[in-house]
Amino acid sequence: MSFDLLGFINHNRSQIVEKWSIQLHTEVGEQYSKRPLEELVGTVTEAFDANSYVIVHNDFSYINR
């Protein structure tokens, strides 16, 4: 049985985005802690989706935005 990367990404997307956003907001630096958490969630969601698209589809169009 092979690993279903797309299924893993889709299943864990919200949890990964939430943890990544909180980590940025609380641990990374002042520039991130000053930003509203909701704004970070939006930015991280776009970054996560773009990176996932590169990995799954080898398409850099979203990451180059």
PDB file of N, CA and C in Angstrom:
ATOM      1  N   MET A   1       0.850  -1.175   0.000  1.00  0.00           N
ATOM      2  CA  MET A   1       0.000   0.000   0.000  1.00  0.00           C
ATOM      3  C   MET A   1       0.897   1.240   0.000  1.00  0.00           C
ATOM      4  N   SER A   2       0.597   2.181  -0.865  1.00  0.00           N
ATOM      5  CA  SER A   2       1.388   3.405  -0.938  1.00  0.00           C
ATOM      6  C   SER A   2       0.765   4.496  -0.048  1.00  0.00           C
ATOM      7  N   PHE A   3       1.587   5.440   0.282  1.00  0.00           N
ATOM      8  CA  PHE A   3       1.150   6.558   1.121  1.00  0.00           C
ATOM      9  C   PHE A   3       0.337   7.536   0.284  1.00  0.00           C
ATOM     10  N   ASP A   4      -0.809   7.935   0.772  1.00  0.00           N
ATOM     11  CA  ASP A   4      -1.691   8.875   0.088  1.00  0.00           C
ATOM     12  C   ASP A   4      -1.377  10.289   0.577  1.00  0.00           C
ATOM     13  N   LEU A   5      -0.411  10.932  -0.078  1.00  0.00           N
ATOM     14  CA  LEU A   5       0.029  12.262   0.341  1.00  0.00           C
ATOM     15  C   LEU A   5      -1.093  13.284   0.229  1.00  0.00           C
ATOM     16  N   LEU A   6      -1.815  13.285  -0.853  1.00  0.00           N
ATOM     17  CA  LEU A   6      -2.909  14.240  -1.016  1.00  0.00           C
ATOM     18  C   LEU A   6      -3.977  14.035   0.057  1.00  0.00           C
ATOM     19  N   GLY A   7      -4.293  12.802   0.357  1.00  0.00           N
ATOM     20  CA  GLY A   7      -5.252  12.527   1.418  1.00  0.00           C
ATOM     21  C   GLY A   7      -4.752  13.023   2.767  1.00  0.00           C
ATOM     22  N   PHE A   8      -3.467  12.810   3.040  1.00  0.00           N
ATOM     23  CA  PHE A   8      -2.860  13.286   4.286  1.00  0.00           C
ATOM     24  C   PHE A   8      -2.940  14.803   4.377  1.00  0.00           C
ATOM     25  N   ILE A   9      -2.582  15.481   3.298  1.00  0.00           N
ATOM     26  CA  ILE A   9      -2.622  16.948   3.270  1.00  0.00           C
ATOM     27  C   ILE A   9      -4.041  17.441   3.521  1.00  0.00           C
ATOM     28  N   ASN A  10      -4.989  16.876   2.805  1.00  0.00           N
ATOM     29  CA  ASN A  10      -6.380  17.313   2.954  1.00  0.00           C
ATOM     30  C   ASN A  10      -6.921  17.023   4.350  1.00  0.00           C
ATOM     31  N   HIS A  11      -6.578  15.879   4.897  1.00  0.00           N
ATOM     32  CA  HIS A  11      -7.077  15.481   6.209  1.00  0.00           C
ATOM     33  C   HIS A  11      -6.495  16.334   7.338  1.00  0.00           C
ATOM     34  N   ASN A  12      -5.239  16.731   7.209  1.00  0.00           N
ATOM     35  CA  ASN A  12      -4.540  17.421   8.288  1.00  0.00           C
ATOM     36  C   ASN A  12      -4.363  18.923   8.073  1.00  0.00           C
ATOM     37  N   ARG A  13      -4.876  19.450   6.983  1.00  0.00           N
ATOM     38  CA  ARG A  13      -4.658  20.844   6.612  1.00  0.00           C
ATOM     39  C   ARG A  13      -5.017  21.822   7.720  1.00  0.00           C
ATOM     40  N   SER A  14      -6.194  21.738   8.261  1.00  0.00           N
ATOM     41  CA  SER A  14      -6.627  22.732   9.252  1.00  0.00           C
ATOM     42  C   SER A  14      -5.791  22.653  10.521  1.00  0.00           C
ATOM     43  N   GLN A  15      -5.461  21.450  10.954  1.00  0.00           N
ATOM     44  CA  GLN A  15      -4.648  21.293  12.162  1.00  0.00           C
ATOM     45  C   GLN A  15      -3.225  21.824  11.940  1.00  0.00           C
ATOM     46  N   ILE A  16      -2.644  21.557  10.786  1.00  0.00           N
ATOM     47  CA  ILE A  16      -1.301  22.059  10.477  1.00  0.00           C
ATOM     48  C   ILE A  16      -1.303  23.579  10.418  1.00  0.00           C
ATOM     49  N   VAL A  17      -2.268  24.153   9.721  1.00  0.00           N
ATOM     50  CA  VAL A  17      -2.358  25.614   9.604  1.00  0.00           C
ATOM     51  C   VAL A  17      -2.531  26.250  10.979  1.00  0.00           C
ATOM     52  N   GLU A  18      -3.380  25.677  11.810  1.00  0.00           N
ATOM     53  CA  GLU A  18      -3.615  26.230  13.145  1.00  0.00           C
ATOM     54  C   GLU A  18      -2.326  26.208  13.981  1.00  0.00           C
ATOM     55  N   LYS A  19      -1.659  25.065  14.003  1.00  0.00           N
ATOM     56  CA  LYS A  19      -0.437  24.953  14.804  1.00  0.00           C
ATOM     57  C   LYS A  19       0.672  25.860  14.275  1.00  0.00           C
ATOM     58  N   TRP A  20       0.818  25.927  12.975  1.00  0.00           N
ATOM     59  CA  TRP A  20       1.829  26.777  12.347  1.00  0.00           C
ATOM     60  C   TRP A  20       1.553  28.240  12.684  1.00  0.00           C
ATOM     61  N   SER A  21       0.310  28.662  12.589  1.00  0.00           N
ATOM     62  CA  SER A  21      -0.066  30.055  12.874  1.00  0.00           C
ATOM     63  C   SER A  21       0.202  30.413  14.331  1.00  0.00           C
ATOM     64  N   ILE A  22      -0.175  29.534  15.240  1.00  0.00           N
ATOM     65  CA  ILE A  22       0.057  29.785  16.660  1.00  0.00           C
ATOM     66  C   ILE A  22       1.550  29.843  16.952  1.00  0.00           C
ATOM     67  N   GLN A  23       2.309  28.953  16.333  1.00  0.00           N
ATOM     68  CA  GLN A  23       3.762  28.952  16.521  1.00  0.00           C
ATOM     69  C   GLN A  23       4.359  30.278  16.062  1.00  0.00           C
ATOM     70  N   LEU A  24       3.966  30.750  14.904  1.00  0.00           N
ATOM     71  CA  LEU A  24       4.451  32.045  14.422  1.00  0.00           C
ATOM     72  C   LEU A  24       4.077  33.155  15.392  1.00  0.00           C
ATOM     73  N   HIS A  25       2.845  33.126  15.839  1.00  0.00           N
ATOM     74  CA  HIS A  25       2.315  34.198  16.688  1.00  0.00           C
ATOM     75  C   HIS A  25       2.978  34.237  18.068  1.00  0.00           C
ATOM     76  N   THR A  26       3.381  33.090  18.580  1.00  0.00           N
ATOM     77  CA  THR A  26       3.869  33.044  19.966  1.00  0.00           C
ATOM     78  C   THR A  26       5.361  32.794  20.103  1.00  0.00           C
ATOM     79  N   GLU A  27       6.005  32.204  19.097  1.00  0.00           N
ATOM     80  CA  GLU A  27       7.381  31.758  19.285  1.00  0.00           C
ATOM     81  C   GLU A  27       8.412  32.353  18.334  1.00  0.00           C
ATOM     82  N   VAL A  28       7.998  32.880  17.206  1.00  0.00           N
ATOM     83  CA  VAL A  28       8.970  33.202  16.160  1.00  0.00           C
ATOM     84  C   VAL A  28       9.577  34.584  16.298  1.00  0.00           C
ATOM     85  N   GLY A  29       8.788  35.570  16.578  1.00  0.00           N
ATOM     86  CA  GLY A  29       9.367  36.897  16.686  1.00  0.00           C
ATOM     87  C   GLY A  29       8.322  37.971  16.813  1.00  0.00           C
ATOM     88  N   GLU A  30       8.810  39.144  17.132  1.00  0.00           N
ATOM     89  CA  GLU A  30       7.929  40.281  17.394  1.00  0.00           C
ATOM     90  C   GLU A  30       7.087  40.654  16.175  1.00  0.00           C
ATOM     91  N   GLN A  31       7.673  40.550  14.983  1.00  0.00           N
ATOM     92  CA  GLN A  31       6.931  40.927  13.777  1.00  0.00           C
ATOM     93  C   GLN A  31       5.683  40.070  13.593  1.00  0.00           C
ATOM     94  N   TYR A  32       5.749  38.817  14.042  1.00  0.00           N
ATOM     95  CA  TYR A  32       4.581  37.936  13.943  1.00  0.00           C
ATOM     96  C   TYR A  32       3.651  38.080  15.140  1.00  0.00           C
ATOM     97  N   SER A  33       4.188  38.297  16.301  1.00  0.00           N
ATOM     98  CA  SER A  33       3.330  38.417  17.489  1.00  0.00           C
ATOM     99  C   SER A  33       2.480  39.673  17.446  1.00  0.00           C
ATOM    100  N   LYS A  34       2.906  40.675  16.710  1.00  0.00           N
ATOM    101  CA  LYS A  34       2.129  41.916  16.581  1.00  0.00           C
ATOM    102  C   LYS A  34       0.972  41.780  15.590  1.00  0.00           C
ATOM    103  N   ARG A  35       1.031  40.801  14.713  1.00  0.00           N
ATOM    104  CA  ARG A  35      -0.026  40.609  13.725  1.00  0.00           C
ATOM    105  C   ARG A  35      -1.193  39.855  14.355  1.00  0.00           C
ATOM    106  N   PRO A  36      -2.410  40.191  13.994  1.00  0.00           N
ATOM    107  CA  PRO A  36      -3.563  39.436  14.508  1.00  0.00           C
ATOM    108  C   PRO A  36      -3.471  37.973  14.084  1.00  0.00           C
ATOM    109  N   LEU A  37      -3.843  37.082  14.979  1.00  0.00           N
ATOM    110  CA  LEU A  37      -3.778  35.654  14.688  1.00  0.00           C
ATOM    111  C   LEU A  37      -4.604  35.304  13.453  1.00  0.00           C
ATOM    112  N   GLU A  38      -5.750  35.937  13.290  1.00  0.00           N
ATOM    113  CA  GLU A  38      -6.602  35.652  12.132  1.00  0.00           C
ATOM    114  C   GLU A  38      -5.883  35.992  10.824  1.00  0.00           C
ATOM    115  N   GLU A  39      -5.082  37.050  10.838  1.00  0.00           N
ATOM    116  CA  GLU A  39      -4.319  37.434   9.652  1.00  0.00           C
ATOM    117  C   GLU A  39      -3.246  36.383   9.356  1.00  0.00           C
ATOM    118  N   LEU A  40      -2.589  35.908  10.404  1.00  0.00           N
ATOM    119  CA  LEU A  40      -1.578  34.863  10.224  1.00  0.00           C
ATOM    120  C   LEU A  40      -2.204  33.584   9.678  1.00  0.00           C
ATOM    121  N   VAL A  41      -3.376  33.248  10.160  1.00  0.00           N
ATOM    122  CA  VAL A  41      -4.063  32.050   9.662  1.00  0.00           C
ATOM    123  C   VAL A  41      -4.291  32.172   8.155  1.00  0.00           C
ATOM    124  N   GLY A  42      -4.706  33.336   7.706  1.00  0.00           N
ATOM    125  CA  GLY A  42      -4.914  33.548   6.273  1.00  0.00           C
ATOM    126  C   GLY A  42      -3.622  33.417   5.481  1.00  0.00           C
ATOM    127  N   THR A  43      -2.557  34.023   5.975  1.00  0.00           N
ATOM    128  CA  THR A  43      -1.257  33.959   5.300  1.00  0.00           C
ATOM    129  C   THR A  43      -0.718  32.536   5.292  1.00  0.00           C
ATOM    130  N   VAL A  44      -0.798  31.869   6.423  1.00  0.00           N
ATOM    131  CA  VAL A  44      -0.293  30.496   6.526  1.00  0.00           C
ATOM    132  C   VAL A  44      -1.110  29.556   5.655  1.00  0.00           C
ATOM    133  N   THR A  45      -2.411  29.755   5.592  1.00  0.00           N
ATOM    134  CA  THR A  45      -3.260  28.923   4.738  1.00  0.00           C
ATOM    135  C   THR A  45      -2.821  29.042   3.285  1.00  0.00           C
ATOM    136  N   GLU A  46      -2.585  30.261   2.829  1.00  0.00           N
ATOM    137  CA  GLU A  46      -2.132  30.454   1.449  1.00  0.00           C
ATOM    138  C   GLU A  46      -0.773  29.802   1.221  1.00  0.00           C
ATOM    139  N   ALA A  47       0.147  29.958   2.182  1.00  0.00           N
ATOM    140  CA  ALA A  47       1.474  29.359   2.056  1.00  0.00           C
ATOM    141  C   ALA A  47       1.389  27.836   2.058  1.00  0.00           C
ATOM    142  N   PHE A  48       0.585  27.281   2.951  1.00  0.00           N
ATOM    143  CA  PHE A  48       0.426  25.827   3.024  1.00  0.00           C
ATOM    144  C   PHE A  48      -0.145  25.280   1.720  1.00  0.00           C
ATOM    145  N   ASP A  49      -1.194  25.923   1.230  1.00  0.00           N
ATOM    146  CA  ASP A  49      -1.821  25.453  -0.003  1.00  0.00           C
ATOM    147  C   ASP A  49      -0.860  25.551  -1.185  1.00  0.00           C
ATOM    148  N   ALA A  50      -0.106  26.631  -1.253  1.00  0.00           N
ATOM    149  CA  ALA A  50       0.853  26.811  -2.349  1.00  0.00           C
ATOM    150  C   ALA A  50       1.953  25.755  -2.286  1.00  0.00           C
ATOM    151  N   ASN A  51       2.493  25.525  -1.107  1.00  0.00           N
ATOM    152  CA  ASN A  51       3.532  24.504  -0.958  1.00  0.00           C
ATOM    153  C   ASN A  51       2.990  23.117  -1.280  1.00  0.00           C
ATOM    154  N   SER A  52       1.784  22.838  -0.828  1.00  0.00           N
ATOM    155  CA  SER A  52       1.175  21.541  -1.114  1.00  0.00           C
ATOM    156  C   SER A  52       0.996  21.346  -2.612  1.00  0.00           C
ATOM    157  N   TYR A  53       0.612  22.399  -3.305  1.00  0.00           N
ATOM    158  CA  TYR A  53       0.393  22.313  -4.750  1.00  0.00           C
ATOM    159  C   TYR A  53       1.697  22.007  -5.475  1.00  0.00           C
ATOM    160  N   VAL A  54       2.803  22.587  -4.987  1.00  0.00           N
ATOM    161  CA  VAL A  54       4.111  22.282  -5.574  1.00  0.00           C
ATOM    162  C   VAL A  54       4.441  20.812  -5.373  1.00  0.00           C
ATOM    163  N   ILE A  55       4.253  20.337  -4.152  1.00  0.00           N
ATOM    164  CA  ILE A  55       4.616  18.956  -3.824  1.00  0.00           C
ATOM    165  C   ILE A  55       3.747  17.949  -4.585  1.00  0.00           C
ATOM    166  N   VAL A  56       2.463  18.190  -4.629  1.00  0.00           N
ATOM    167  CA  VAL A  56       1.537  17.218  -5.225  1.00  0.00           C
ATOM    168  C   VAL A  56       1.498  17.313  -6.749  1.00  0.00           C
ATOM    169  N   HIS A  57       1.536  18.548  -7.285  1.00  0.00           N
ATOM    170  CA  HIS A  57       1.320  18.742  -8.718  1.00  0.00           C
ATOM    171  C   HIS A  57       2.542  19.264  -9.477  1.00  0.00           C
ATOM    172  N   ASN A  58       3.642  19.541  -8.750  1.00  0.00           N
ATOM    173  CA  ASN A  58       4.841  20.118  -9.358  1.00  0.00           C
ATOM    174  C   ASN A  58       4.510  21.403 -10.118  1.00  0.00           C
ATOM    175  N   ASP A  59       3.615  22.181  -9.547  1.00  0.00           N
ATOM    176  CA  ASP A  59       3.157  23.427 -10.157  1.00  0.00           C
ATOM    177  C   ASP A  59       3.502  24.575  -9.212  1.00  0.00           C
ATOM    178  N   PHE A  60       4.381  25.463  -9.667  1.00  0.00           N
ATOM    179  CA  PHE A  60       4.867  26.557  -8.840  1.00  0.00           C
ATOM    180  C   PHE A  60       4.041  27.840  -8.999  1.00  0.00           C
ATOM    181  N   SER A  61       2.987  27.805  -9.775  1.00  0.00           N
ATOM    182  CA  SER A  61       2.238  29.032 -10.052  1.00  0.00           C
ATOM    183  C   SER A  61       1.657  29.671  -8.803  1.00  0.00           C
ATOM    184  N   TYR A  62       1.205  28.860  -7.851  1.00  0.00           N
ATOM    185  CA  TYR A  62       0.636  29.415  -6.620  1.00  0.00           C
ATOM    186  C   TYR A  62       1.709  29.950  -5.681  1.00  0.00           C
ATOM    187  N   ILE A  63       2.851  29.290  -5.646  1.00  0.00           N
ATOM    188  CA  ILE A  63       3.913  29.708  -4.734  1.00  0.00           C
ATOM    189  C   ILE A  63       4.604  30.975  -5.249  1.00  0.00           C
ATOM    190  N   ASN A  64       4.510  31.231  -6.538  1.00  0.00           N
ATOM    191  CA  ASN A  64       5.155  32.411  -7.129  1.00  0.00           C
ATOM    192  C   ASN A  64       4.306  33.667  -7.051  1.00  0.00           C
ATOM    193  N   ARG A  65       3.155  33.589  -6.445  1.00  0.00           N
ATOM    194  CA  ARG A  65       2.274  34.765  -6.347  1.00  0.00           C
ATOM    195  C   ARG A  65       2.866  35.819  -5.455  1.00  0.00           C
TER     196      ARG A  65
END
